[in-house]
Amino acid sequence: MSAVANLLARKQALMERLENGAGPNEREEIERLLAQIETALNLLESGNAATREE
């Protein structure tokens, strides 16, 4: 599984946990993890864009 696919799968699983009524502490942790995943996806996307431009 590619890095992007792995990150998207983790994001989907976390979103499902969030929708299923996570408690306040769990919600905070999930939101932190989602932010990290978004950052990683953005970095991968910008790296792919730079590679295509070269």
PDB file of N, CA and C in Angstrom:
ATOM      1  N   MET A   1       0.856  -1.173   0.000  1.00  0.00           N
ATOM      2  CA  MET A   1       0.000   0.000   0.000  1.00  0.00           C
ATOM      3  C   MET A   1       0.899   1.232   0.000  1.00  0.00           C
ATOM      4  N   SER A   2       0.550   2.199  -0.848  1.00  0.00           N
ATOM      5  CA  SER A   2       1.368   3.405  -0.925  1.00  0.00           C
ATOM      6  C   SER A   2       1.186   4.263   0.328  1.00  0.00           C
ATOM      7  N   ALA A   3       2.082   5.192   0.497  1.00  0.00           N
ATOM      8  CA  ALA A   3       2.014   6.075   1.667  1.00  0.00           C
ATOM      9  C   ALA A   3       0.713   6.871   1.665  1.00  0.00           C
ATOM     10  N   VAL A   4       0.312   7.366   0.500  1.00  0.00           N
ATOM     11  CA  VAL A   4      -0.922   8.151   0.415  1.00  0.00           C
ATOM     12  C   VAL A   4      -2.121   7.277   0.751  1.00  0.00           C
ATOM     13  N   ALA A   5      -2.168   6.082   0.197  1.00  0.00           N
ATOM     14  CA  ALA A   5      -3.286   5.172   0.471  1.00  0.00           C
ATOM     15  C   ALA A   5      -3.342   4.817   1.957  1.00  0.00           C
ATOM     16  N   ASN A   6      -2.192   4.600   2.561  1.00  0.00           N
ATOM     17  CA  ASN A   6      -2.127   4.285   3.983  1.00  0.00           C
ATOM     18  C   ASN A   6      -2.651   5.451   4.825  1.00  0.00           C
ATOM     19  N   LEU A   7      -2.217   6.658   4.494  1.00  0.00           N
ATOM     20  CA  LEU A   7      -2.672   7.837   5.224  1.00  0.00           C
ATOM     21  C   LEU A   7      -4.178   8.050   5.060  1.00  0.00           C
ATOM     22  N   LEU A   8      -4.685   7.844   3.846  1.00  0.00           N
ATOM     23  CA  LEU A   8      -6.111   8.017   3.610  1.00  0.00           C
ATOM     24  C   LEU A   8      -6.931   6.966   4.361  1.00  0.00           C
ATOM     25  N   ALA A   9      -6.415   5.746   4.440  1.00  0.00           N
ATOM     26  CA  ALA A   9      -7.108   4.694   5.192  1.00  0.00           C
ATOM     27  C   ALA A   9      -7.141   5.034   6.680  1.00  0.00           C
ATOM     28  N   ARG A  10      -6.025   5.512   7.215  1.00  0.00           N
ATOM     29  CA  ARG A  10      -5.977   5.921   8.625  1.00  0.00           C
ATOM     30  C   ARG A  10      -6.933   7.080   8.886  1.00  0.00           C
ATOM     31  N   LYS A  11      -6.971   8.041   7.942  1.00  0.00           N
ATOM     32  CA  LYS A  11      -7.862   9.179   8.083  1.00  0.00           C
ATOM     33  C   LYS A  11      -9.319   8.714   8.111  1.00  0.00           C
ATOM     34  N   GLN A  12      -9.677   7.813   7.214  1.00  0.00           N
ATOM     35  CA  GLN A  12     -11.042   7.297   7.172  1.00  0.00           C
ATOM     36  C   GLN A  12     -11.414   6.601   8.482  1.00  0.00           C
ATOM     37  N   ALA A  13     -10.518   5.778   8.994  1.00  0.00           N
ATOM     38  CA  ALA A  13     -10.781   5.065  10.251  1.00  0.00           C
ATOM     39  C   ALA A  13     -10.960   6.045  11.409  1.00  0.00           C
ATOM     40  N   LEU A  14     -10.136   7.078  11.451  1.00  0.00           N
ATOM     41  CA  LEU A  14     -10.250   8.076  12.512  1.00  0.00           C
ATOM     42  C   LEU A  14     -11.545   8.878  12.388  1.00  0.00           C
ATOM     43  N   MET A  15     -11.926   9.209  11.163  1.00  0.00           N
ATOM     44  CA  MET A  15     -13.178   9.939  10.956  1.00  0.00           C
ATOM     45  C   MET A  15     -14.367   9.108  11.430  1.00  0.00           C
ATOM     46  N   GLU A  16     -14.329   7.812  11.171  1.00  0.00           N
ATOM     47  CA  GLU A  16     -15.397   6.927  11.621  1.00  0.00           C
ATOM     48  C   GLU A  16     -15.460   6.873  13.143  1.00  0.00           C
ATOM     49  N   ARG A  17     -14.295   6.807  13.799  1.00  0.00           N
ATOM     50  CA  ARG A  17     -14.268   6.816  15.264  1.00  0.00           C
ATOM     51  C   ARG A  17     -14.840   8.117  15.809  1.00  0.00           C
ATOM     52  N   LEU A  18     -14.520   9.215  15.136  1.00  0.00           N
ATOM     53  CA  LEU A  18     -15.001  10.526  15.556  1.00  0.00           C
ATOM     54  C   LEU A  18     -16.523  10.603  15.419  1.00  0.00           C
ATOM     55  N   GLU A  19     -17.045  10.060  14.326  1.00  0.00           N
ATOM     56  CA  GLU A  19     -18.490  10.081  14.079  1.00  0.00           C
ATOM     57  C   GLU A  19     -19.255   9.164  15.032  1.00  0.00           C
ATOM     58  N   ASN A  20     -18.598   8.157  15.569  1.00  0.00           N
ATOM     59  CA  ASN A  20     -19.261   7.198  16.448  1.00  0.00           C
ATOM     60  C   ASN A  20     -19.295   7.652  17.903  1.00  0.00           C
ATOM     61  N   GLY A  21     -19.123   8.929  18.135  1.00  0.00           N
ATOM     62  CA  GLY A  21     -19.303   9.460  19.475  1.00  0.00           C
ATOM     63  C   GLY A  21     -18.118   9.294  20.396  1.00  0.00           C
ATOM     64  N   ALA A  22     -16.974   9.743  19.962  1.00  0.00           N
ATOM     65  CA  ALA A  22     -15.783   9.689  20.810  1.00  0.00           C
ATOM     66  C   ALA A  22     -15.949  10.635  21.995  1.00  0.00           C
ATOM     67  N   GLY A  23     -15.377  10.255  23.129  1.00  0.00           N
ATOM     68  CA  GLY A  23     -15.389  11.117  24.313  1.00  0.00           C
ATOM     69  C   GLY A  23     -14.474  12.312  24.103  1.00  0.00           C
ATOM     70  N   PRO A  24     -14.514  13.275  25.013  1.00  0.00           N
ATOM     71  CA  PRO A  24     -13.734  14.506  24.840  1.00  0.00           C
ATOM     72  C   PRO A  24     -12.232  14.265  24.711  1.00  0.00           C
ATOM     73  N   ASN A  25     -11.677  13.386  25.530  1.00  0.00           N
ATOM     74  CA  ASN A  25     -10.238  13.110  25.443  1.00  0.00           C
ATOM     75  C   ASN A  25      -9.897  12.387  24.155  1.00  0.00           C
ATOM     76  N   GLU A  26     -10.723  11.415  23.796  1.00  0.00           N
ATOM     77  CA  GLU A  26     -10.483  10.678  22.558  1.00  0.00           C
ATOM     78  C   GLU A  26     -10.650  11.596  21.353  1.00  0.00           C
ATOM     79  N   ARG A  27     -11.641  12.476  21.394  1.00  0.00           N
ATOM     80  CA  ARG A  27     -11.876  13.424  20.294  1.00  0.00           C
ATOM     81  C   ARG A  27     -10.644  14.303  20.081  1.00  0.00           C
ATOM     82  N   GLU A  28     -10.072  14.775  21.168  1.00  0.00           N
ATOM     83  CA  GLU A  28      -8.880  15.630  21.087  1.00  0.00           C
ATOM     84  C   GLU A  28      -7.716  14.868  20.440  1.00  0.00           C
ATOM     85  N   GLU A  29      -7.526  13.625  20.846  1.00  0.00           N
ATOM     86  CA  GLU A  29      -6.450  12.801  20.285  1.00  0.00           C
ATOM     87  C   GLU A  29      -6.697  12.529  18.802  1.00  0.00           C
ATOM     88  N   ILE A  30      -7.923  12.219  18.449  1.00  0.00           N
ATOM     89  CA  ILE A  30      -8.260  11.945  17.045  1.00  0.00           C
ATOM     90  C   ILE A  30      -8.019  13.190  16.199  1.00  0.00           C
ATOM     91  N   GLU A  31      -8.438  14.343  16.690  1.00  0.00           N
ATOM     92  CA  GLU A  31      -8.229  15.584  15.950  1.00  0.00           C
ATOM     93  C   GLU A  31      -6.746  15.881  15.770  1.00  0.00           C
ATOM     94  N   ARG A  32      -5.942  15.572  16.781  1.00  0.00           N
ATOM     95  CA  ARG A  32      -4.484  15.763  16.673  1.00  0.00           C
ATOM     96  C   ARG A  32      -3.908  14.851  15.594  1.00  0.00           C
ATOM     97  N   LEU A  33      -4.345  13.597  15.598  1.00  0.00           N
ATOM     98  CA  LEU A  33      -3.866  12.636  14.604  1.00  0.00           C
ATOM     99  C   LEU A  33      -4.317  13.024  13.196  1.00  0.00           C
ATOM    100  N   LEU A  34      -5.550  13.498  13.072  1.00  0.00           N
ATOM    101  CA  LEU A  34      -6.044  13.940  11.771  1.00  0.00           C
ATOM    102  C   LEU A  34      -5.224  15.120  11.243  1.00  0.00           C
ATOM    103  N   ALA A  35      -4.843  16.019  12.120  1.00  0.00           N
ATOM    104  CA  ALA A  35      -4.015  17.157  11.711  1.00  0.00           C
ATOM    105  C   ALA A  35      -2.650  16.682  11.207  1.00  0.00           C
ATOM    106  N   GLN A  36      -2.078  15.688  11.881  1.00  0.00           N
ATOM    107  CA  GLN A  36      -0.796  15.136  11.436  1.00  0.00           C
ATOM    108  C   GLN A  36      -0.931  14.473  10.070  1.00  0.00           C
ATOM    109  N   ILE A  37      -2.016  13.743   9.881  1.00  0.00           N
ATOM    110  CA  ILE A  37      -2.250  13.077   8.596  1.00  0.00           C
ATOM    111  C   ILE A  37      -2.409  14.117   7.488  1.00  0.00           C
ATOM    112  N   GLU A  38      -3.169  15.172   7.758  1.00  0.00           N
ATOM    113  CA  GLU A  38      -3.356  16.224   6.757  1.00  0.00           C
ATOM    114  C   GLU A  38      -2.020  16.866   6.388  1.00  0.00           C
ATOM    115  N   THR A  39      -1.180  17.109   7.391  1.00  0.00           N
ATOM    116  CA  THR A  39       0.138  17.684   7.129  1.00  0.00           C
ATOM    117  C   THR A  39       0.963  16.748   6.251  1.00  0.00           C
ATOM    118  N   ALA A  40       0.953  15.466   6.576  1.00  0.00           N
ATOM    119  CA  ALA A  40       1.710  14.492   5.785  1.00  0.00           C
ATOM    120  C   ALA A  40       1.190  14.425   4.356  1.00  0.00           C
ATOM    121  N   LEU A  41      -0.129  14.429   4.186  1.00  0.00           N
ATOM    122  CA  LEU A  41      -0.706  14.398   2.834  1.00  0.00           C
ATOM    123  C   LEU A  41      -0.318  15.651   2.054  1.00  0.00           C
ATOM    124  N   ASN A  42      -0.354  16.796   2.708  1.00  0.00           N
ATOM    125  CA  ASN A  42       0.040  18.042   2.041  1.00  0.00           C
ATOM    126  C   ASN A  42       1.504  18.021   1.625  1.00  0.00           C
ATOM    127  N   LEU A  43       2.359  17.490   2.491  1.00  0.00           N
ATOM    128  CA  LEU A  43       3.787  17.400   2.148  1.00  0.00           C
ATOM    129  C   LEU A  43       4.011  16.453   0.984  1.00  0.00           C
ATOM    130  N   LEU A  44       3.325  15.330   0.992  1.00  0.00           N
ATOM    131  CA  LEU A  44       3.456  14.388  -0.121  1.00  0.00           C
ATOM    132  C   LEU A  44       2.942  15.008  -1.412  1.00  0.00           C
ATOM    133  N   GLU A  45       1.840  15.720  -1.329  1.00  0.00           N
ATOM    134  CA  GLU A  45       1.275  16.359  -2.516  1.00  0.00           C
ATOM    135  C   GLU A  45       2.214  17.419  -3.072  1.00  0.00           C
ATOM    136  N   SER A  46       2.777  18.241  -2.193  1.00  0.00           N
ATOM    137  CA  SER A  46       3.693  19.284  -2.661  1.00  0.00           C
ATOM    138  C   SER A  46       4.978  18.670  -3.214  1.00  0.00           C
ATOM    139  N   GLY A  47       5.412  17.553  -2.652  1.00  0.00           N
ATOM    140  CA  GLY A  47       6.588  16.854  -3.179  1.00  0.00           C
ATOM    141  C   GLY A  47       6.319  16.269  -4.551  1.00  0.00           C
ATOM    142  N   ASN A  48       5.129  15.741  -4.750  1.00  0.00           N
ATOM    143  CA  ASN A  48       4.758  15.203  -6.066  1.00  0.00           C
ATOM    144  C   ASN A  48       4.643  16.314  -7.090  1.00  0.00           C
ATOM    145  N   ALA A  49       4.129  17.463  -6.703  1.00  0.00           N
ATOM    146  CA  ALA A  49       4.009  18.584  -7.611  1.00  0.00           C
ATOM    147  C   ALA A  49       5.395  19.078  -8.023  1.00  0.00           C
ATOM    148  N   ALA A  50       6.324  19.121  -7.082  1.00  0.00           N
ATOM    149  CA  ALA A  50       7.681  19.563  -7.381  1.00  0.00           C
ATOM    150  C   ALA A  50       8.366  18.583  -8.316  1.00  0.00           C
ATOM    151  N   THR A  51       8.121  17.305  -8.138  1.00  0.00           N
ATOM    152  CA  THR A  51       8.727  16.274  -8.991  1.00  0.00           C
ATOM    153  C   THR A  51       8.203  16.392 -10.411  1.00  0.00           C
ATOM    154  N   ARG A  52       6.917  16.671 -10.584  1.00  0.00           N
ATOM    155  CA  ARG A  52       6.325  16.794 -11.914  1.00  0.00           C
ATOM    156  C   ARG A  52       6.838  18.024 -12.636  1.00  0.00           C
ATOM    157  N   GLU A  53       7.143  19.097 -11.897  1.00  0.00           N
ATOM    158  CA  GLU A  53       7.602  20.337 -12.514  1.00  0.00           C
ATOM    159  C   GLU A  53       9.025  20.231 -13.013  1.00  0.00           C
ATOM    160  N   GLU A  54       9.805  19.295 -12.496  1.00  0.00           N
ATOM    161  CA  GLU A  54      11.224  19.193 -12.875  1.00  0.00           C
ATOM    162  C   GLU A  54      11.405  18.540 -14.217  1.00  0.00           C
TER     163      GLU A  54
END
